[in-house]
């Protein structure tokens, strides 16, 4: 049995535990999203010490709740998978508490384990509605002057944060909302929807000048647009080549992106023409990564790192690249674990090009942005263990371009009243 099947296959059991487990997860997810999303805004008290304490206590409680769900409510086909999941969480909790002094990795892994068996459509809808609503409220209050609309001068122009802490935070928020929207409604997407999202990306770009998130938004919209085109022309050679290529692209995108950024940053030198040009194109990302190797170094299990960014004028050292940011802060093992999870996610959905597109664009975005393990921005990893049957059920006929005779089959397997969320590959 393949590893991606072993960790996501659910054993038959009564509906009571499943429903209670889903309720526990969704309540915890709602609470975590609320506090983490509000903390990225300028809403009243969002940056206060009191709210920080509240969010810290809620984080601990939600992480404990996810462990309890795994131990007492989830039924795994393989008992070792449950023990491994809980042991991993306990070790990561220790790492967060005693070494890193930050709970980002703990939260995303706790929610990953806690999402086991929960309908992914409910998860994505909660994310879309909750974070979208908080972002919209903060934007309206900032534009109307109720809360600060923080300005930042760069590239010879004023950029506005639109109710968030920093202008690129707002742009990133809209980008990730776009990813989730495309996944959630992929079966009913029309060209008009893609065009509307493209207009939204342009409107966000105007005040924020968030070039990376604008480019990635346009890229993901183009990929979904091409997907619709090739879906109606499955007999053409381009459609077959396109469908056959994406399982490999999705699988390799994050490891390759990480290695490229590691190497370019580590070997950066102003005398090297290649690294100098890339550093200029990426607005200093390579030199900041190089400084990170010098200032922080690399550890196996992680360390406490103080990043100074945003409006800091002196001694700025924030590392935007997710892979390097994690490497310096969370350690080598954490980076390898997160990348491995995305590789497994890509393998699990090898016959779902929509997921491959999202993983690819996410991997590119995280070369220059730091949101890979921030659950308030990026919930994509939750597709790994959640019940994704309903998300893709009935869409097999729409995905013949994967280039394989059995494409899209078996994402949902029914036996009586029991529903198994893992893929059954022939």
Protein backbone atom coordinates (compact mmCIF):
# COMPACT_ATOMS: atom_id res chain seq x y z
CA UNK A 1 0.00 0.00 0.00
CA UNK A 2 1.35 3.40 -0.97
CA UNK A 3 2.12 5.89 1.76
CA UNK A 4 -0.35 8.49 0.51
CA UNK A 5 -3.10 5.87 0.73
CA UNK A 6 -2.01 4.57 4.13
CA UNK A 7 -2.18 7.93 5.84
CA UNK A 8 -5.53 8.98 4.39
CA UNK A 9 -7.64 5.83 4.29
CA UNK A 10 -10.46 5.79 6.80
CA UNK A 11 -11.71 2.61 8.37
CA UNK A 12 -15.47 1.98 8.48
CA UNK A 13 -17.05 3.20 11.69
CA UNK A 14 -20.24 4.78 13.02
CA UNK A 15 -21.35 8.19 11.83
CA UNK A 16 -21.48 9.55 15.39
CA UNK A 17 -17.74 9.80 15.85
CA UNK A 18 -17.29 11.17 12.33
CA UNK A 19 -19.84 13.93 12.85
CA UNK A 20 -18.46 14.85 16.27
CA UNK A 21 -14.91 14.85 14.92
CA UNK A 22 -15.92 17.14 12.06
CA UNK A 23 -17.61 19.50 14.52
CA UNK A 24 -14.51 19.60 16.74
CA UNK A 25 -12.26 20.34 13.77
CA UNK A 26 -14.48 23.02 12.24
CA UNK A 27 -14.88 24.81 15.57
CA UNK A 28 -11.11 24.81 16.09
CA UNK A 29 -10.49 25.87 12.50
CA UNK A 30 -12.95 28.77 12.81
CA UNK A 31 -11.28 29.99 16.01
CA UNK A 32 -7.74 29.72 14.64
CA UNK A 33 -8.67 31.48 11.41
CA UNK A 34 -10.38 34.28 13.33
CA UNK A 35 -7.46 35.13 15.62
CA UNK A 36 -4.70 34.64 13.03
CA UNK A 37 -6.51 36.61 10.32
CA UNK A 38 -7.44 39.48 12.64
CA UNK A 39 -3.81 39.70 13.76
CA UNK A 40 -2.78 40.46 10.17
CA UNK A 41 -5.06 43.53 10.14
CA UNK A 42 -5.23 46.94 11.77
CA UNK A 43 -8.63 46.26 13.32
CA UNK A 44 -9.07 47.65 16.86
CA UNK A 45 -7.04 45.73 19.45
CA UNK A 46 -5.68 43.35 16.80
CA UNK A 47 -2.10 44.35 17.66
CA UNK A 48 -2.62 44.62 21.41
CA UNK A 49 -0.89 42.44 24.01
CA UNK A 50 -4.28 41.26 25.28
CA UNK A 51 -5.31 39.95 21.89
CA UNK A 52 -1.90 38.29 21.51
CA UNK A 53 -2.46 36.40 24.78
CA UNK A 54 -5.96 35.37 23.68
CA UNK A 55 -4.67 34.09 20.35
CA UNK A 56 -1.82 32.20 22.06
CA UNK A 57 -4.19 30.45 24.50
CA UNK A 58 -6.61 29.57 21.69
CA UNK A 59 -3.73 28.20 19.62
CA UNK A 60 -2.71 25.83 22.43
CA UNK A 61 -6.31 24.73 23.05
CA UNK A 62 -6.98 24.06 19.36
CA UNK A 63 -3.76 22.07 18.96
CA UNK A 64 -4.69 19.94 22.00
CA UNK A 65 -8.20 19.48 20.60
CA UNK A 66 -6.79 18.18 17.32
CA UNK A 67 -4.69 15.62 19.20
CA UNK A 68 -7.75 14.54 21.19
CA UNK A 69 -9.75 14.18 17.98
CA UNK A 70 -7.06 11.97 16.48
CA UNK A 71 -6.84 9.80 19.60
CA UNK A 72 -10.50 9.37 20.50
CA UNK A 73 -12.66 10.20 17.48
CA UNK A 74 -10.70 9.21 14.37
CA UNK A 75 -10.56 5.58 13.26
CA UNK A 76 -7.60 4.73 11.03
CA UNK A 77 -7.34 1.64 8.87
CA UNK A 78 -3.77 1.29 10.13
CA UNK A 79 -3.22 1.80 13.87
CA UNK A 80 0.40 2.80 13.31
CA UNK A 81 -0.78 5.79 11.24
CA UNK A 82 -2.69 7.21 14.23
CA UNK A 83 0.25 6.68 16.59
CA UNK A 84 2.66 8.21 14.08
CA UNK A 85 0.42 11.27 13.58
CA UNK A 86 0.05 11.92 17.32
CA UNK A 87 3.74 11.35 18.00
CA UNK A 88 4.67 13.75 15.22
CA UNK A 89 2.39 16.42 16.68
CA UNK A 90 3.82 15.99 20.18
CA UNK A 91 7.37 16.34 18.85
CA UNK A 92 6.48 19.43 16.82
CA UNK A 93 4.71 20.95 19.83
CA UNK A 94 7.92 20.48 21.82
CA UNK A 95 9.95 22.02 19.03
CA UNK A 96 7.61 25.03 18.90
CA UNK A 97 7.60 25.50 22.68
CA UNK A 98 11.27 25.03 23.52
CA UNK A 99 13.29 25.76 20.38
CA UNK A 100 11.49 27.91 17.83
CA UNK A 101 9.15 29.77 20.21
CA UNK A 102 6.61 30.07 17.40
CA UNK A 103 3.55 27.92 16.70
CA UNK A 104 3.02 28.34 12.95
CA UNK A 105 4.26 24.86 12.07
CA UNK A 106 2.44 23.28 15.02
CA UNK A 107 -0.84 24.88 14.00
CA UNK A 108 -0.71 23.81 10.36
CA UNK A 109 0.30 20.22 11.24
CA UNK A 110 -2.28 19.98 14.04
CA UNK A 111 -5.01 21.14 11.66
CA UNK A 112 -3.69 18.75 9.00
CA UNK A 113 -4.09 15.78 11.38
CA UNK A 114 -7.36 17.20 12.70
CA UNK A 115 -8.81 17.54 9.18
CA UNK A 116 -8.74 13.74 8.80
CA UNK A 117 -12.12 12.65 7.42
CA UNK A 118 -13.63 16.16 7.40
CA UNK A 119 -15.38 17.28 4.21
CA UNK A 120 -12.90 19.54 2.43
CA UNK A 121 -15.75 21.55 0.93
CA UNK A 122 -16.78 22.67 4.42
CA UNK A 123 -13.17 23.54 5.26
CA UNK A 124 -12.65 25.62 2.13
CA UNK A 125 -16.02 27.36 2.50
CA UNK A 126 -15.21 28.30 6.10
CA UNK A 127 -11.84 29.66 4.95
CA UNK A 128 -13.33 31.55 2.03
CA UNK A 129 -16.17 33.14 3.99
CA UNK A 130 -14.34 33.87 7.24
CA UNK A 131 -11.03 35.24 5.94
CA UNK A 132 -12.79 36.98 3.06
CA UNK A 133 -15.21 38.71 5.43
CA UNK A 134 -12.51 39.84 7.86
CA UNK A 135 -10.37 41.15 5.00
CA UNK A 136 -13.31 42.97 3.43
CA UNK A 137 -14.32 44.61 6.73
CA UNK A 138 -10.73 45.72 7.41
CA UNK A 139 -10.41 47.11 3.87
CA UNK A 140 -13.66 49.11 4.10
CA UNK A 141 -12.73 50.51 7.52
CA UNK A 142 -9.27 51.48 6.23
CA UNK A 143 -10.57 53.16 3.08
CA UNK A 144 -13.15 55.12 5.08
CA UNK A 145 -10.54 56.21 7.63
CA UNK A 146 -11.90 54.33 10.63
CA UNK A 147 -8.65 52.37 11.01
CA UNK A 148 -5.21 53.24 9.59
CA UNK A 149 -4.58 52.54 5.91
CA UNK A 150 -0.83 52.20 6.30
CA UNK A 151 1.22 53.73 3.46
CA UNK A 152 4.62 52.53 2.37
CA UNK A 153 6.86 54.25 -0.16
CA UNK A 154 8.77 51.99 -2.53
CA UNK A 155 9.58 51.88 -6.23
CA UNK A 156 8.93 55.61 -6.35
CA UNK A 157 5.27 55.32 -5.38
CA UNK A 158 3.04 55.04 -2.33
CA UNK A 159 1.63 51.60 -1.63
CA UNK A 160 -1.30 51.06 0.73
CA UNK A 161 -1.95 48.15 3.09
CA UNK A 162 -5.77 48.37 2.75
CA UNK A 163 -6.46 47.52 6.37
CA UNK A 164 -3.70 44.93 6.78
CA UNK A 165 -0.28 45.42 8.35
CA UNK A 166 1.58 45.62 5.05
CA UNK A 167 0.58 46.14 1.43
CA UNK A 168 1.76 42.71 0.25
CA UNK A 169 -0.25 41.07 3.05
CA UNK A 170 -3.44 42.32 1.43
CA UNK A 171 -2.29 41.21 -2.03
CA UNK A 172 -1.34 37.77 -0.68
CA UNK A 173 -4.70 37.44 1.05
CA UNK A 174 -6.58 38.00 -2.20
CA UNK A 175 -4.24 35.63 -4.06
CA UNK A 176 -4.89 32.76 -1.63
CA UNK A 177 -8.63 33.47 -1.63
CA UNK A 178 -8.44 33.13 -5.42
CA UNK A 179 -6.69 29.74 -5.13
CA UNK A 180 -9.33 28.44 -2.73
CA UNK A 181 -12.18 29.79 -4.86
CA UNK A 182 -10.82 28.08 -7.97
CA UNK A 183 -10.47 24.74 -6.17
CA UNK A 184 -13.84 24.92 -4.48
CA UNK A 185 -15.82 25.84 -7.59
CA UNK A 186 -13.64 24.25 -10.27
CA UNK A 187 -16.50 22.14 -11.67
CA UNK A 188 -18.66 25.17 -12.46
CA UNK A 189 -16.05 27.70 -13.54
CA UNK A 190 -16.79 29.75 -16.64
CA UNK A 191 -14.49 32.02 -18.61
CA UNK A 192 -16.45 34.96 -17.20
CA UNK A 193 -15.47 33.90 -13.67
CA UNK A 194 -11.80 33.77 -14.64
CA UNK A 195 -12.01 37.21 -16.25
CA UNK A 196 -13.71 38.63 -13.15
CA UNK A 197 -10.94 37.23 -10.93
CA UNK A 198 -8.38 38.75 -13.29
CA UNK A 199 -10.05 42.16 -12.90
CA UNK A 200 -10.02 41.68 -9.11
CA UNK A 201 -6.27 40.92 -9.21
CA UNK A 202 -5.69 44.13 -11.20
CA UNK A 203 -7.77 46.19 -8.77
CA UNK A 204 -5.75 44.82 -5.85
CA UNK A 205 -2.49 45.54 -7.67
CA UNK A 206 -3.27 49.24 -8.13
CA UNK A 207 -3.09 50.32 -4.44
CA UNK A 208 -0.72 47.59 -3.19
CA UNK A 209 1.68 47.25 -6.14
CA UNK A 210 2.02 43.59 -5.12
CA UNK A 211 3.76 42.34 -8.24
CA UNK A 212 4.34 38.76 -7.10
CA UNK A 213 0.76 38.03 -6.08
CA UNK A 214 -0.61 39.77 -9.16
CA UNK A 215 1.63 37.69 -11.43
CA UNK A 216 0.75 34.46 -9.60
CA UNK A 217 -2.97 35.30 -9.76
CA UNK A 218 -2.77 35.78 -13.51
CA UNK A 219 -0.72 32.58 -13.85
CA UNK A 220 -3.24 30.40 -11.98
CA UNK A 221 -6.12 31.94 -13.95
CA UNK A 222 -4.31 31.18 -17.22
CA UNK A 223 -3.74 27.57 -16.13
CA UNK A 224 -7.40 27.08 -15.28
CA UNK A 225 -8.35 28.76 -18.56
CA UNK A 226 -6.11 26.39 -20.53
CA UNK A 227 -7.59 23.52 -18.51
CA UNK A 228 -11.05 24.43 -19.78
CA UNK A 229 -9.73 24.67 -23.34
CA UNK A 230 -8.00 21.27 -23.37
CA UNK A 231 -10.93 19.65 -21.56
CA UNK A 232 -13.10 20.20 -24.61
CA UNK A 233 -10.41 18.99 -27.03
CA UNK A 234 -9.28 15.77 -25.40
CA UNK A 235 -8.36 14.03 -28.66
CA UNK A 236 -5.78 16.58 -29.69
CA UNK A 237 -2.10 15.87 -29.05
CA UNK A 238 -1.61 19.10 -27.11
CA UNK A 239 -4.38 18.13 -24.69
CA UNK A 240 -2.84 14.72 -24.09
CA UNK A 241 0.64 16.17 -23.61
CA UNK A 242 -0.70 18.86 -21.28
CA UNK A 243 -2.56 16.32 -19.13
CA UNK A 244 0.35 13.88 -18.98
CA UNK A 245 2.86 16.57 -17.97
CA UNK A 246 1.12 18.01 -14.92
CA UNK A 247 1.46 15.08 -12.51
CA UNK A 248 5.23 15.37 -12.94
CA UNK A 249 5.23 19.18 -12.76
CA UNK A 250 3.15 19.19 -9.59
CA UNK A 251 5.32 16.52 -7.99
CA UNK A 252 8.61 18.30 -8.66
CA UNK A 253 7.59 21.94 -8.38
CA UNK A 254 8.09 22.46 -4.65
CA UNK A 255 11.33 20.46 -4.24
CA UNK A 256 12.82 22.18 -7.29
CA UNK A 257 11.68 25.65 -6.18
CA UNK A 258 13.19 25.10 -2.73
CA UNK A 259 16.53 23.83 -4.05
CA UNK A 260 16.78 26.69 -6.55
CA UNK A 261 16.28 29.30 -3.83
CA UNK A 262 18.69 27.52 -1.46
CA UNK A 263 21.44 27.46 -4.08
CA UNK A 264 20.91 30.96 -5.49
CA UNK A 265 20.85 32.50 -2.01
CA UNK A 266 23.75 30.52 -0.58
CA UNK A 267 26.00 31.24 -3.55
CA UNK A 268 24.85 34.83 -4.04
CA UNK A 269 27.62 37.26 -4.80
CA UNK A 270 27.45 40.78 -6.29
CA UNK A 271 30.34 39.75 -8.53
CA UNK A 272 28.32 36.87 -9.98
CA UNK A 273 26.31 38.14 -12.94
CA UNK A 274 23.57 35.52 -12.64
CA UNK A 275 22.86 35.92 -8.93
CA UNK A 276 23.16 39.71 -9.16
CA UNK A 277 20.55 39.91 -11.92
CA UNK A 278 18.21 37.49 -10.14
CA UNK A 279 18.58 39.47 -6.92
CA UNK A 280 17.67 42.68 -8.73
CA UNK A 281 14.65 41.04 -10.38
CA UNK A 282 13.45 39.68 -7.04
CA UNK A 283 13.99 43.00 -5.20
CA UNK A 284 16.81 41.82 -2.96
CA UNK A 285 15.50 38.38 -1.98
CA UNK A 286 18.82 36.66 -2.62
CA UNK A 287 20.94 39.01 -0.56
CA UNK A 288 18.48 38.70 2.34
CA UNK A 289 18.70 34.93 2.05
CA UNK A 290 22.49 35.12 1.99
CA UNK A 291 22.42 37.32 5.08
CA UNK A 292 20.21 34.72 6.74
CA UNK A 293 22.85 32.02 6.29
CA UNK A 294 25.38 34.36 7.91
CA UNK A 295 23.22 35.81 10.71
CA UNK A 296 21.12 32.80 11.71
CA UNK A 297 22.85 29.74 10.32
CA UNK A 298 21.08 26.42 9.77
CA UNK A 299 20.02 23.98 12.48
CA UNK A 300 18.50 20.53 12.33
CA UNK A 301 15.57 21.10 14.70
CA UNK A 302 15.05 24.87 14.52
CA UNK A 303 15.84 27.89 16.66
CA UNK A 304 14.36 31.15 17.89
CA UNK A 305 14.82 33.76 15.18
CA UNK A 306 13.93 37.43 15.35
CA UNK A 307 12.97 38.73 11.92
CA UNK A 308 12.85 42.49 11.46
CA UNK A 309 10.74 43.54 8.52
CA UNK A 310 7.84 45.66 7.24
CA UNK A 311 8.50 49.25 8.35
CA UNK A 312 11.98 48.68 9.83
CA UNK A 313 14.49 51.10 8.29
CA UNK A 314 17.68 49.77 9.87
CA UNK A 315 18.98 46.21 10.22
CA UNK A 316 16.18 44.81 8.06
CA UNK A 317 16.67 41.05 7.92
CA UNK A 318 13.31 39.54 7.04
CA UNK A 319 13.63 36.54 4.72
CA UNK A 320 10.62 36.48 2.39
CA UNK A 321 11.34 33.13 0.73
CA UNK A 322 9.21 30.52 2.55
CA UNK A 323 11.78 27.76 2.14
CA UNK A 324 14.62 29.84 3.58
CA UNK A 325 12.42 31.45 6.21
CA UNK A 326 11.52 27.97 7.45
CA UNK A 327 15.08 26.68 7.12
CA UNK A 328 16.52 29.34 9.43
CA UNK A 329 13.63 29.26 11.89
CA UNK A 330 12.08 25.77 11.85
CA UNK A 331 15.17 23.79 10.88
CA UNK A 332 16.18 21.29 8.21
CA UNK A 333 13.83 18.51 9.31
CA UNK A 334 10.79 20.79 9.25
CA UNK A 335 11.56 21.97 5.72
CA UNK A 336 12.01 18.39 4.49
CA UNK A 337 8.76 17.35 6.22
CA UNK A 338 6.65 20.13 4.70
CA UNK A 339 8.05 19.59 1.20
CA UNK A 340 7.52 15.82 1.55
CA UNK A 341 3.88 16.42 2.52
CA UNK A 342 3.32 18.48 -0.62
CA UNK A 343 4.98 15.78 -2.71
CA UNK A 344 2.61 13.21 -1.18
CA UNK A 345 -0.30 15.58 -1.80
CA UNK A 346 0.69 15.84 -5.45
CA UNK A 347 0.95 12.05 -5.75
CA UNK A 348 -2.43 11.57 -4.12
CA UNK A 349 -4.10 13.90 -6.65
CA UNK A 350 -2.00 12.93 -9.65
CA UNK A 351 -5.17 12.59 -11.74
CA UNK A 352 -6.53 15.97 -10.65
CA UNK A 353 -4.78 18.68 -12.70
CA UNK A 354 -6.57 21.43 -10.75
CA UNK A 355 -4.62 20.44 -7.63
CA UNK A 356 -1.38 20.24 -9.61
CA UNK A 357 -1.89 23.78 -10.91
CA UNK A 358 -2.40 25.08 -7.39
CA UNK A 359 0.67 23.27 -6.01
CA UNK A 360 2.81 24.57 -8.88
CA UNK A 361 1.75 28.22 -8.52
CA UNK A 362 2.01 27.96 -4.72
CA UNK A 363 5.57 26.62 -5.06
CA UNK A 364 6.50 29.55 -7.31
CA UNK A 365 4.85 32.09 -5.02
CA UNK A 366 6.67 30.74 -1.97
CA UNK A 367 10.03 31.28 -3.63
CA UNK A 368 9.52 34.99 -2.88
CA UNK A 369 6.78 35.02 -0.21
CA UNK A 370 6.68 33.61 3.31
CA UNK A 371 3.15 32.21 3.67
CA UNK A 372 3.73 28.49 3.09
CA UNK A 373 2.99 27.36 6.67
CA UNK A 374 0.72 30.25 7.69
CA UNK A 375 -2.73 28.67 7.92
CA UNK A 376 -4.42 32.07 7.82
CA UNK A 377 -3.19 32.36 4.23
CA UNK A 378 -2.58 28.84 3.00
CA UNK A 379 -5.02 25.97 3.75
CA UNK A 380 -4.03 23.89 0.70
CA UNK A 381 -2.19 21.20 2.70
CA UNK A 382 -5.49 20.25 4.35
CA UNK A 383 -6.45 18.46 1.14
CA UNK A 384 -4.07 15.68 2.14
CA UNK A 385 -6.13 13.98 4.88
CA UNK A 386 -9.58 15.52 4.56
CA UNK A 387 -12.48 13.93 2.73
CA UNK A 388 -12.17 15.37 -0.79
CA UNK A 389 -14.65 13.00 -2.43
CA UNK A 390 -17.39 15.59 -2.74
CA UNK A 391 -15.02 18.17 -4.17
CA UNK A 392 -14.27 16.02 -7.21
CA UNK A 393 -17.23 13.62 -7.28
CA UNK A 394 -18.92 13.57 -10.64
CA UNK A 395 -16.14 15.52 -12.36
CA UNK A 396 -14.20 12.53 -13.70
CA UNK A 397 -15.73 12.98 -17.11
CA UNK A 398 -14.54 16.56 -17.14
CA UNK A 399 -10.91 15.62 -16.59
CA UNK A 400 -10.11 13.22 -19.43
CA UNK A 401 -7.10 15.32 -20.39
CA UNK A 402 -4.97 13.71 -17.71
CA UNK A 403 -3.81 11.41 -20.47
CA UNK A 404 -4.50 8.13 -18.62
CA UNK A 405 -7.33 5.68 -19.15
CA UNK A 406 -8.36 5.58 -15.49
CA UNK A 407 -8.03 9.29 -14.80
CA UNK A 408 -10.13 10.62 -11.99
CA UNK A 409 -11.58 7.34 -10.85
CA UNK A 410 -11.94 6.19 -7.30
CA UNK A 411 -11.62 9.44 -5.43
CA UNK A 412 -14.76 8.39 -3.60
CA UNK A 413 -15.36 4.75 -2.87
CA UNK A 414 -18.72 3.75 -1.42
CA UNK A 415 -19.46 0.61 0.53
CA UNK A 416 -22.97 0.74 1.92
CA UNK A 417 -23.13 3.94 3.92
CA UNK A 418 -19.39 4.26 4.46
CA UNK A 419 -17.44 6.79 2.47
CA UNK A 420 -13.69 6.52 2.00
CA UNK A 421 -11.93 9.73 1.13
CA UNK A 422 -8.63 8.38 -0.15
CA UNK A 423 -7.89 7.65 -3.76
CA UNK A 424 -7.82 4.04 -4.89
CA UNK A 425 -5.36 3.86 -7.74
CA UNK A 426 -5.69 0.93 -10.10
